[in-house]
Amino acid sequence: MTEADSSMVESGAERVSDGVHTQPDLAGGTTYGLTVVCVGHGGAETAFTPRDAGPKKRIPCDGSAVFERFTGRGPLRVDVRGNPGSTGVIAWRVNKV
């Protein structure tokens, strides 16, 4: 295991139609990164709850990686929702930065 591997909090791969819905166990005040890659057709969008935890970000389903930093605090939910008509797979990872 490398040092980069030890920073991983959680990860997964989901169908675009299912989306990603997670509530990672995060330490308050710690900076984290969300990396998302979508491969297929269409696009998706990230959403944080509470909304001010991180901005919404568009994710094209063209294989490009999209990275967003955010700070852990209290209960936090991260969602990646596929746009209507989008198909493919979303791979995602949350890790300490």
PDB file of N, CA and C in Angstrom:
ATOM      1  N   MET A   1       0.851  -1.188   0.000  1.00  0.00           N
ATOM      2  CA  MET A   1       0.000   0.000   0.000  1.00  0.00           C
ATOM      3  C   MET A   1       0.888   1.239   0.000  1.00  0.00           C
ATOM      4  N   THR A   2       0.589   2.177  -0.862  1.00  0.00           N
ATOM      5  CA  THR A   2       1.354   3.414  -0.932  1.00  0.00           C
ATOM      6  C   THR A   2       0.689   4.475  -0.065  1.00  0.00           C
ATOM      7  N   GLU A   3       1.394   5.582   0.129  1.00  0.00           N
ATOM      8  CA  GLU A   3       0.828   6.678   0.918  1.00  0.00           C
ATOM      9  C   GLU A   3      -0.436   7.223   0.264  1.00  0.00           C
ATOM     10  N   ALA A   4      -0.461   7.292  -1.069  1.00  0.00           N
ATOM     11  CA  ALA A   4      -1.649   7.782  -1.782  1.00  0.00           C
ATOM     12  C   ALA A   4      -2.836   6.869  -1.523  1.00  0.00           C
ATOM     13  N   ASP A   5      -2.611   5.551  -1.466  1.00  0.00           N
ATOM     14  CA  ASP A   5      -3.696   4.617  -1.197  1.00  0.00           C
ATOM     15  C   ASP A   5      -4.270   4.808   0.195  1.00  0.00           C
ATOM     16  N   SER A   6      -3.422   5.126   1.177  1.00  0.00           N
ATOM     17  CA  SER A   6      -3.889   5.256   2.552  1.00  0.00           C
ATOM     18  C   SER A   6      -4.764   6.493   2.755  1.00  0.00           C
ATOM     19  N   SER A   7      -4.776   7.427   1.800  1.00  0.00           N
ATOM     20  CA  SER A   7      -5.597   8.627   1.933  1.00  0.00           C
ATOM     21  C   SER A   7      -7.026   8.400   1.452  1.00  0.00           C
ATOM     22  N   MET A   8      -7.298   7.245   0.830  1.00  0.00           N
ATOM     23  CA  MET A   8      -8.631   6.992   0.309  1.00  0.00           C
ATOM     24  C   MET A   8      -9.623   6.789   1.450  1.00  0.00           C
ATOM     25  N   VAL A   9     -10.778   7.437   1.326  1.00  0.00           N
ATOM     26  CA  VAL A   9     -11.862   7.297   2.291  1.00  0.00           C
ATOM     27  C   VAL A   9     -12.852   6.260   1.779  1.00  0.00           C
ATOM     28  N   GLU A  10     -13.307   6.422   0.549  1.00  0.00           N
ATOM     29  CA  GLU A  10     -14.190   5.451  -0.081  1.00  0.00           C
ATOM     30  C   GLU A  10     -14.239   5.706  -1.575  1.00  0.00           C
ATOM     31  N   SER A  11     -14.693   4.696  -2.318  1.00  0.00           N
ATOM     32  CA  SER A  11     -14.787   4.834  -3.767  1.00  0.00           C
ATOM     33  C   SER A  11     -15.796   3.824  -4.291  1.00  0.00           C
ATOM     34  N   GLY A  12     -16.114   3.959  -5.573  1.00  0.00           N
ATOM     35  CA  GLY A  12     -17.038   3.015  -6.170  1.00  0.00           C
ATOM     36  C   GLY A  12     -17.267   3.321  -7.631  1.00  0.00           C
ATOM     37  N   ALA A  13     -18.115   2.511  -8.236  1.00  0.00           N
ATOM     38  CA  ALA A  13     -18.530   2.702  -9.627  1.00  0.00           C
ATOM     39  C   ALA A  13     -20.021   2.385  -9.695  1.00  0.00           C
ATOM     40  N   GLU A  14     -20.756   3.244 -10.369  1.00  0.00           N
ATOM     41  CA  GLU A  14     -22.215   3.104 -10.450  1.00  0.00           C
ATOM     42  C   GLU A  14     -22.669   3.396 -11.868  1.00  0.00           C
ATOM     43  N   ARG A  15     -23.821   2.859 -12.230  1.00  0.00           N
ATOM     44  CA  ARG A  15     -24.433   3.224 -13.507  1.00  0.00           C
ATOM     45  C   ARG A  15     -24.874   4.685 -13.413  1.00  0.00           C
ATOM     46  N   VAL A  16     -24.763   5.404 -14.519  1.00  0.00           N
ATOM     47  CA  VAL A  16     -25.181   6.804 -14.544  1.00  0.00           C
ATOM     48  C   VAL A  16     -26.643   6.927 -14.115  1.00  0.00           C
ATOM     49  N   SER A  17     -27.475   5.996 -14.553  1.00  0.00           N
ATOM     50  CA  SER A  17     -28.900   6.064 -14.211  1.00  0.00           C
ATOM     51  C   SER A  17     -29.152   5.886 -12.715  1.00  0.00           C
ATOM     52  N   ASP A  18     -28.264   5.180 -12.004  1.00  0.00           N
ATOM     53  CA  ASP A  18     -28.395   5.011 -10.553  1.00  0.00           C
ATOM     54  C   ASP A  18     -27.788   6.192  -9.794  1.00  0.00           C
ATOM     55  N   GLY A  19     -26.717   6.745 -10.318  1.00  0.00           N
ATOM     56  CA  GLY A  19     -26.026   7.848  -9.656  1.00  0.00           C
ATOM     57  C   GLY A  19     -25.227   7.379  -8.457  1.00  0.00           C
ATOM     58  N   VAL A  20     -24.579   8.333  -7.805  1.00  0.00           N
ATOM     59  CA  VAL A  20     -23.783   8.081  -6.604  1.00  0.00           C
ATOM     60  C   VAL A  20     -24.478   8.797  -5.464  1.00  0.00           C
ATOM     61  N   HIS A  21     -24.654   8.105  -4.347  1.00  0.00           N
ATOM     62  CA  HIS A  21     -25.299   8.684  -3.167  1.00  0.00           C
ATOM     63  C   HIS A  21     -24.557   8.145  -1.949  1.00  0.00           C
ATOM     64  N   THR A  22     -23.736   8.987  -1.309  1.00  0.00           N
ATOM     65  CA  THR A  22     -22.921   8.517  -0.200  1.00  0.00           C
ATOM     66  C   THR A  22     -22.852   9.555   0.910  1.00  0.00           C
ATOM     67  N   GLN A  23     -22.656   9.071   2.110  1.00  0.00           N
ATOM     68  CA  GLN A  23     -22.437   9.920   3.273  1.00  0.00           C
ATOM     69  C   GLN A  23     -21.148   9.444   3.936  1.00  0.00           C
ATOM     70  N   PRO A  24     -19.989   9.874   3.394  1.00  0.00           N
ATOM     71  CA  PRO A  24     -18.714   9.383   3.923  1.00  0.00           C
ATOM     72  C   PRO A  24     -18.472   9.861   5.348  1.00  0.00           C
ATOM     73  N   ASP A  25     -17.731   9.054   6.105  1.00  0.00           N
ATOM     74  CA  ASP A  25     -17.360   9.404   7.477  1.00  0.00           C
ATOM     75  C   ASP A  25     -16.112  10.281   7.400  1.00  0.00           C
ATOM     76  N   LEU A  26     -16.300  11.592   7.595  1.00  0.00           N
ATOM     77  CA  LEU A  26     -15.219  12.561   7.409  1.00  0.00           C
ATOM     78  C   LEU A  26     -14.887  13.272   8.709  1.00  0.00           C
ATOM     79  N   ALA A  27     -13.618  13.602   8.878  1.00  0.00           N
ATOM     80  CA  ALA A  27     -13.167  14.371  10.042  1.00  0.00           C
ATOM     81  C   ALA A  27     -13.426  15.855   9.805  1.00  0.00           C
ATOM     82  N   GLY A  28     -14.013  16.532  10.777  1.00  0.00           N
ATOM     83  CA  GLY A  28     -14.282  17.969  10.666  1.00  0.00           C
ATOM     84  C   GLY A  28     -13.009  18.760  10.481  1.00  0.00           C
ATOM     85  N   GLY A  29     -13.056  19.744   9.576  1.00  0.00           N
ATOM     86  CA  GLY A  29     -11.924  20.620   9.329  1.00  0.00           C
ATOM     87  C   GLY A  29     -10.861  20.042   8.413  1.00  0.00           C
ATOM     88  N   THR A  30     -10.998  18.808   7.985  1.00  0.00           N
ATOM     89  CA  THR A  30     -10.029  18.168   7.097  1.00  0.00           C
ATOM     90  C   THR A  30     -10.446  18.391   5.646  1.00  0.00           C
ATOM     91  N   THR A  31      -9.458  18.645   4.790  1.00  0.00           N
ATOM     92  CA  THR A  31      -9.741  18.857   3.373  1.00  0.00           C
ATOM     93  C   THR A  31      -9.757  17.510   2.651  1.00  0.00           C
ATOM     94  N   TYR A  32     -10.782  17.343   1.829  1.00  0.00           N
ATOM     95  CA  TYR A  32     -10.963  16.121   1.058  1.00  0.00           C
ATOM     96  C   TYR A  32     -11.094  16.475  -0.417  1.00  0.00           C
ATOM     97  N   GLY A  33     -10.916  15.473  -1.255  1.00  0.00           N
ATOM     98  CA  GLY A  33     -11.118  15.644  -2.682  1.00  0.00           C
ATOM     99  C   GLY A  33     -12.104  14.607  -3.185  1.00  0.00           C
ATOM    100  N   LEU A  34     -12.964  15.035  -4.075  1.00  0.00           N
ATOM    101  CA  LEU A  34     -13.883  14.141  -4.765  1.00  0.00           C
ATOM    102  C   LEU A  34     -13.437  14.101  -6.218  1.00  0.00           C
ATOM    103  N   THR A  35     -13.083  12.923  -6.703  1.00  0.00           N
ATOM    104  CA  THR A  35     -12.721  12.741  -8.103  1.00  0.00           C
ATOM    105  C   THR A  35     -13.811  11.901  -8.752  1.00  0.00           C
ATOM    106  N   VAL A  36     -14.323  12.372  -9.883  1.00  0.00           N
ATOM    107  CA  VAL A  36     -15.396  11.677 -10.589  1.00  0.00           C
ATOM    108  C   VAL A  36     -15.020  11.570 -12.059  1.00  0.00           C
ATOM    109  N   VAL A  37     -15.248  10.384 -12.625  1.00  0.00           N
ATOM    110  CA  VAL A  37     -15.062  10.152 -14.053  1.00  0.00           C
ATOM    111  C   VAL A  37     -16.331   9.488 -14.567  1.00  0.00           C
ATOM    112  N   CYS A  38     -16.856   9.987 -15.660  1.00  0.00           N
ATOM    113  CA  CYS A  38     -18.044   9.398 -16.285  1.00  0.00           C
ATOM    114  C   CYS A  38     -17.674   8.995 -17.702  1.00  0.00           C
ATOM    115  N   VAL A  39     -18.007   7.753 -18.048  1.00  0.00           N
ATOM    116  CA  VAL A  39     -17.747   7.245 -19.388  1.00  0.00           C
ATOM    117  C   VAL A  39     -19.080   6.773 -19.963  1.00  0.00           C
ATOM    118  N   GLY A  40     -19.420   7.293 -21.126  1.00  0.00           N
ATOM    119  CA  GLY A  40     -20.680   6.910 -21.752  1.00  0.00           C
ATOM    120  C   GLY A  40     -21.183   8.027 -22.635  1.00  0.00           C
ATOM    121  N   HIS A  41     -22.458   8.376 -22.445  1.00  0.00           N
ATOM    122  CA  HIS A  41     -23.103   9.400 -23.259  1.00  0.00           C
ATOM    123  C   HIS A  41     -23.862  10.349 -22.343  1.00  0.00           C
ATOM    124  N   GLY A  42     -23.722  11.650 -22.597  1.00  0.00           N
ATOM    125  CA  GLY A  42     -24.443  12.652 -21.801  1.00  0.00           C
ATOM    126  C   GLY A  42     -23.551  13.251 -20.732  1.00  0.00           C
ATOM    127  N   GLY A  43     -24.093  13.387 -19.530  1.00  0.00           N
ATOM    128  CA  GLY A  43     -23.335  13.996 -18.455  1.00  0.00           C
ATOM    129  C   GLY A  43     -24.010  13.793 -17.117  1.00  0.00           C
ATOM    130  N   ALA A  44     -23.378  14.350 -16.089  1.00  0.00           N
ATOM    131  CA  ALA A  44     -23.874  14.245 -14.722  1.00  0.00           C
ATOM    132  C   ALA A  44     -23.511  15.525 -13.985  1.00  0.00           C
ATOM    133  N   GLU A  45     -23.920  15.618 -12.737  1.00  0.00           N
ATOM    134  CA  GLU A  45     -23.636  16.806 -11.932  1.00  0.00           C
ATOM    135  C   GLU A  45     -23.455  16.394 -10.479  1.00  0.00           C
ATOM    136  N   THR A  46     -22.458  16.995  -9.811  1.00  0.00           N
ATOM    137  CA  THR A  46     -22.264  16.742  -8.387  1.00  0.00           C
ATOM    138  C   THR A  46     -23.184  17.648  -7.582  1.00  0.00           C
ATOM    139  N   ALA A  47     -23.543  17.189  -6.393  1.00  0.00           N
ATOM    140  CA  ALA A  47     -24.339  17.999  -5.467  1.00  0.00           C
ATOM    141  C   ALA A  47     -23.945  17.614  -4.044  1.00  0.00           C
ATOM    142  N   PHE A  48     -23.747  18.613  -3.203  1.00  0.00           N
ATOM    143  CA  PHE A  48     -23.412  18.396  -1.805  1.00  0.00           C
ATOM    144  C   PHE A  48     -24.589  18.822  -0.938  1.00  0.00           C
ATOM    145  N   THR A  49     -24.815  18.110   0.169  1.00  0.00           N
ATOM    146  CA  THR A  49     -25.809  18.507   1.163  1.00  0.00           C
ATOM    147  C   THR A  49     -25.114  18.523   2.507  1.00  0.00           C
ATOM    148  N   PRO A  50     -25.036  19.645   3.211  1.00  0.00           N
ATOM    149  CA  PRO A  50     -25.660  20.911   2.862  1.00  0.00           C
ATOM    150  C   PRO A  50     -25.029  21.526   1.614  1.00  0.00           C
ATOM    151  N   ARG A  51     -25.825  22.343   0.922  1.00  0.00           N
ATOM    152  CA  ARG A  51     -25.410  22.905  -0.373  1.00  0.00           C
ATOM    153  C   ARG A  51     -24.136  23.713  -0.317  1.00  0.00           C
ATOM    154  N   ASP A  52     -23.874  24.394   0.811  1.00  0.00           N
ATOM    155  CA  ASP A  52     -22.673  25.228   0.878  1.00  0.00           C
ATOM    156  C   ASP A  52     -21.400  24.424   1.171  1.00  0.00           C
ATOM    157  N   ALA A  53     -21.497  23.098   1.263  1.00  0.00           N
ATOM    158  CA  ALA A  53     -20.311  22.261   1.488  1.00  0.00           C
ATOM    159  C   ALA A  53     -19.427  22.186   0.249  1.00  0.00           C
ATOM    160  N   GLY A  54     -20.013  22.359  -0.907  1.00  0.00           N
ATOM    161  CA  GLY A  54     -19.253  22.311  -2.156  1.00  0.00           C
ATOM    162  C   GLY A  54     -20.132  22.734  -3.305  1.00  0.00           C
ATOM    163  N   PRO A  55     -19.526  23.273  -4.355  1.00  0.00           N
ATOM    164  CA  PRO A  55     -20.320  23.743  -5.489  1.00  0.00           C
ATOM    165  C   PRO A  55     -20.797  22.595  -6.369  1.00  0.00           C
ATOM    166  N   LYS A  56     -21.883  22.847  -7.092  1.00  0.00           N
ATOM    167  CA  LYS A  56     -22.301  21.887  -8.112  1.00  0.00           C
ATOM    168  C   LYS A  56     -21.286  21.958  -9.239  1.00  0.00           C
ATOM    169  N   LYS A  57     -20.991  20.813  -9.812  1.00  0.00           N
ATOM    170  CA  LYS A  57     -20.029  20.783 -10.901  1.00  0.00           C
ATOM    171  C   LYS A  57     -20.537  19.830 -11.976  1.00  0.00           C
ATOM    172  N   ARG A  58     -20.469  20.267 -13.219  1.00  0.00           N
ATOM    173  CA  ARG A  58     -20.878  19.428 -14.350  1.00  0.00           C
ATOM    174  C   ARG A  58     -19.786  18.422 -14.667  1.00  0.00           C
ATOM    175  N   ILE A  59     -20.219  17.217 -15.036  1.00  0.00           N
ATOM    176  CA  ILE A  59     -19.294  16.150 -15.374  1.00  0.00           C
ATOM    177  C   ILE A  59     -19.692  15.595 -16.742  1.00  0.00           C
ATOM    178  N   PRO A  60     -18.872  15.798 -17.761  1.00  0.00           N
ATOM    179  CA  PRO A  60     -19.188  15.214 -19.067  1.00  0.00           C
ATOM    180  C   PRO A  60     -18.891  13.712 -19.039  1.00  0.00           C
ATOM    181  N   CYS A  61     -19.667  12.924 -19.747  1.00  0.00           N
ATOM    182  CA  CYS A  61     -19.421  11.472 -19.810  1.00  0.00           C
ATOM    183  C   CYS A  61     -18.468  11.148 -20.959  1.00  0.00           C
ATOM    184  N   ASP A  62     -17.331  11.839 -20.972  1.00  0.00           N
ATOM    185  CA  ASP A  62     -16.345  11.652 -22.035  1.00  0.00           C
ATOM    186  C   ASP A  62     -15.032  11.063 -21.530  1.00  0.00           C
ATOM    187  N   GLY A  63     -15.029  10.582 -20.284  1.00  0.00           N
ATOM    188  CA  GLY A  63     -13.825   9.973 -19.727  1.00  0.00           C
ATOM    189  C   GLY A  63     -12.888  10.937 -19.026  1.00  0.00           C
ATOM    190  N   SER A  64     -13.199  12.246 -18.998  1.00  0.00           N
ATOM    191  CA  SER A  64     -12.335  13.195 -18.294  1.00  0.00           C
ATOM    192  C   SER A  64     -12.605  13.148 -16.797  1.00  0.00           C
ATOM    193  N   ALA A  65     -11.542  13.312 -16.021  1.00  0.00           N
ATOM    194  CA  ALA A  65     -11.662  13.344 -14.568  1.00  0.00           C
ATOM    195  C   ALA A  65     -12.022  14.748 -14.113  1.00  0.00           C
ATOM    196  N   VAL A  66     -12.958  14.838 -13.184  1.00  0.00           N
ATOM    197  CA  VAL A  66     -13.353  16.109 -12.578  1.00  0.00           C
ATOM    198  C   VAL A  66     -13.026  16.013 -11.095  1.00  0.00           C
ATOM    199  N   PHE A  67     -12.340  17.042 -10.561  1.00  0.00           N
ATOM    200  CA  PHE A  67     -11.890  17.037  -9.168  1.00  0.00           C
ATOM    201  C   PHE A  67     -12.481  18.225  -8.432  1.00  0.00           C
ATOM    202  N   GLU A  68     -12.950  17.994  -7.225  1.00  0.00           N
ATOM    203  CA  GLU A  68     -13.502  19.064  -6.387  1.00  0.00           C
ATOM    204  C   GLU A  68     -12.984  18.894  -4.961  1.00  0.00           C
ATOM    205  N   ARG A  69     -12.473  19.973  -4.385  1.00  0.00           N
ATOM    206  CA  ARG A  69     -12.052  19.958  -2.976  1.00  0.00           C
ATOM    207  C   ARG A  69     -13.204  20.426  -2.107  1.00  0.00           C
ATOM    208  N   PHE A  70     -13.280  19.856  -0.905  1.00  0.00           N
ATOM    209  CA  PHE A  70     -14.268  20.295   0.068  1.00  0.00           C
ATOM    210  C   PHE A  70     -13.744  19.987   1.463  1.00  0.00           C
ATOM    211  N   THR A  71     -14.336  20.608   2.466  1.00  0.00           N
ATOM    212  CA  THR A  71     -13.908  20.431   3.847  1.00  0.00           C
ATOM    213  C   THR A  71     -14.932  19.602   4.603  1.00  0.00           C
ATOM    214  N   GLY A  72     -14.441  18.589   5.314  1.00  0.00           N
ATOM    215  CA  GLY A  72     -15.312  17.748   6.124  1.00  0.00           C
ATOM    216  C   GLY A  72     -15.884  18.544   7.286  1.00  0.00           C
ATOM    217  N   ARG A  73     -17.167  18.292   7.563  1.00  0.00           N
ATOM    218  CA  ARG A  73     -17.831  18.934   8.686  1.00  0.00           C
ATOM    219  C   ARG A  73     -19.168  18.258   8.904  1.00  0.00           C
ATOM    220  N   GLY A  74     -19.456  17.910  10.103  1.00  0.00           N
ATOM    221  CA  GLY A  74     -20.748  17.310  10.438  1.00  0.00           C
ATOM    222  C   GLY A  74     -21.253  16.337   9.390  1.00  0.00           C
ATOM    223  N   PRO A  75     -22.524  16.050   9.391  1.00  0.00           N
ATOM    224  CA  PRO A  75     -23.081  15.155   8.377  1.00  0.00           C
ATOM    225  C   PRO A  75     -22.992  15.795   6.991  1.00  0.00           C
ATOM    226  N   LEU A  76     -22.513  15.034   6.046  1.00  0.00           N
ATOM    227  CA  LEU A  76     -22.349  15.528   4.678  1.00  0.00           C
ATOM    228  C   LEU A  76     -22.785  14.430   3.720  1.00  0.00           C
ATOM    229  N   ARG A  77     -23.533  14.821   2.717  1.00  0.00           N
ATOM    230  CA  ARG A  77     -23.967  13.875   1.689  1.00  0.00           C
ATOM    231  C   ARG A  77     -23.412  14.341   0.351  1.00  0.00           C
ATOM    232  N   VAL A  78     -22.892  13.399  -0.410  1.00  0.00           N
ATOM    233  CA  VAL A  78     -22.372  13.672  -1.747  1.00  0.00           C
ATOM    234  C   VAL A  78     -23.216  12.869  -2.736  1.00  0.00           C
ATOM    235  N   ASP A  79     -23.756  13.562  -3.726  1.00  0.00           N
ATOM    236  CA  ASP A  79     -24.537  12.913  -4.772  1.00  0.00           C
ATOM    237  C   ASP A  79     -23.952  13.279  -6.128  1.00  0.00           C
ATOM    238  N   VAL A  80     -23.972  12.318  -7.025  1.00  0.00           N
ATOM    239  CA  VAL A  80     -23.650  12.573  -8.433  1.00  0.00           C
ATOM    240  C   VAL A  80     -24.848  12.030  -9.200  1.00  0.00           C
ATOM    241  N   ARG A  81     -25.549  12.914  -9.845  1.00  0.00           N
ATOM    242  CA  ARG A  81     -26.778  12.543 -10.556  1.00  0.00           C
ATOM    243  C   ARG A  81     -26.570  12.657 -12.059  1.00  0.00           C
ATOM    244  N   GLY A  82     -26.988  11.613 -12.772  1.00  0.00           N
ATOM    245  CA  GLY A  82     -26.916  11.634 -14.224  1.00  0.00           C
ATOM    246  C   GLY A  82     -27.966  12.569 -14.793  1.00  0.00           C
ATOM    247  N   ASN A  83     -27.622  13.266 -15.852  1.00  0.00           N
ATOM    248  CA  ASN A  83     -28.595  14.106 -16.548  1.00  0.00           C
ATOM    249  C   ASN A  83     -29.608  13.216 -17.260  1.00  0.00           C
ATOM    250  N   PRO A  84     -30.826  13.706 -17.488  1.00  0.00           N
ATOM    251  CA  PRO A  84     -31.830  12.898 -18.194  1.00  0.00           C
ATOM    252  C   PRO A  84     -31.289  12.391 -19.532  1.00  0.00           C
ATOM    253  N   GLY A  85     -31.506  11.106 -19.800  1.00  0.00           N
ATOM    254  CA  GLY A  85     -31.069  10.499 -21.048  1.00  0.00           C
ATOM    255  C   GLY A  85     -29.615  10.067 -21.078  1.00  0.00           C
ATOM    256  N   SER A  86     -28.854  10.348 -20.017  1.00  0.00           N
ATOM    257  CA  SER A  86     -27.439   9.965 -19.989  1.00  0.00           C
ATOM    258  C   SER A  86     -27.292   8.482 -19.679  1.00  0.00           C
ATOM    259  N   THR A  87     -26.267   7.872 -20.253  1.00  0.00           N
ATOM    260  CA  THR A  87     -25.988   6.458 -20.019  1.00  0.00           C
ATOM    261  C   THR A  87     -24.495   6.272 -19.815  1.00  0.00           C
ATOM    262  N   GLY A  88     -24.125   5.189 -19.160  1.00  0.00           N
ATOM    263  CA  GLY A  88     -22.715   4.880 -18.953  1.00  0.00           C
ATOM    264  C   GLY A  88     -22.439   4.538 -17.506  1.00  0.00           C
ATOM    265  N   VAL A  89     -21.184   4.760 -17.113  1.00  0.00           N
ATOM    266  CA  VAL A  89     -20.719   4.415 -15.771  1.00  0.00           C
ATOM    267  C   VAL A  89     -20.013   5.608 -15.153  1.00  0.00           C
ATOM    268  N   ILE A  90     -20.253   5.808 -13.854  1.00  0.00           N
ATOM    269  CA  ILE A  90     -19.574   6.844 -13.076  1.00  0.00           C
ATOM    270  C   ILE A  90     -18.635   6.141 -12.096  1.00  0.00           C
ATOM    271  N   ALA A  91     -17.360   6.471 -12.138  1.00  0.00           N
ATOM    272  CA  ALA A  91     -16.382   6.002 -11.148  1.00  0.00           C
ATOM    273  C   ALA A  91     -16.060   7.192 -10.259  1.00  0.00           C
ATOM    274  N   TRP A  92     -15.976   6.964  -8.951  1.00  0.00           N
ATOM    275  CA  TRP A  92     -15.750   8.078  -8.024  1.00  0.00           C
ATOM    276  C   TRP A  92     -14.857   7.639  -6.880  1.00  0.00           C
ATOM    277  N   ARG A  93     -14.238   8.642  -6.255  1.00  0.00           N
ATOM    278  CA  ARG A  93     -13.339   8.395  -5.128  1.00  0.00           C
ATOM    279  C   ARG A  93     -13.309   9.624  -4.240  1.00  0.00           C
ATOM    280  N   VAL A  94     -13.390   9.422  -2.926  1.00  0.00           N
ATOM    281  CA  VAL A  94     -13.197  10.479  -1.936  1.00  0.00           C
ATOM    282  C   VAL A  94     -11.909  10.159  -1.201  1.00  0.00           C
ATOM    283  N   ASN A  95     -10.993  11.130  -1.116  1.00  0.00           N
ATOM    284  CA  ASN A  95      -9.763  10.913  -0.368  1.00  0.00           C
ATOM    285  C   ASN A  95      -9.325  12.187   0.328  1.00  0.00           C
ATOM    286  N   LYS A  96      -8.496  12.008   1.376  1.00  0.00           N
ATOM    287  CA  LYS A  96      -7.904  13.149   2.079  1.00  0.00           C
ATOM    288  C   LYS A  96      -6.925  13.809   1.131  1.00  0.00           C
ATOM    289  N   VAL A  97      -6.878  15.133   1.188  1.00  0.00           N
ATOM    290  CA  VAL A  97      -5.963  15.881   0.318  1.00  0.00           C
ATOM    291  C   VAL A  97      -4.783  16.335   1.135  1.00  0.00           C
TER     292      VAL A  97
END
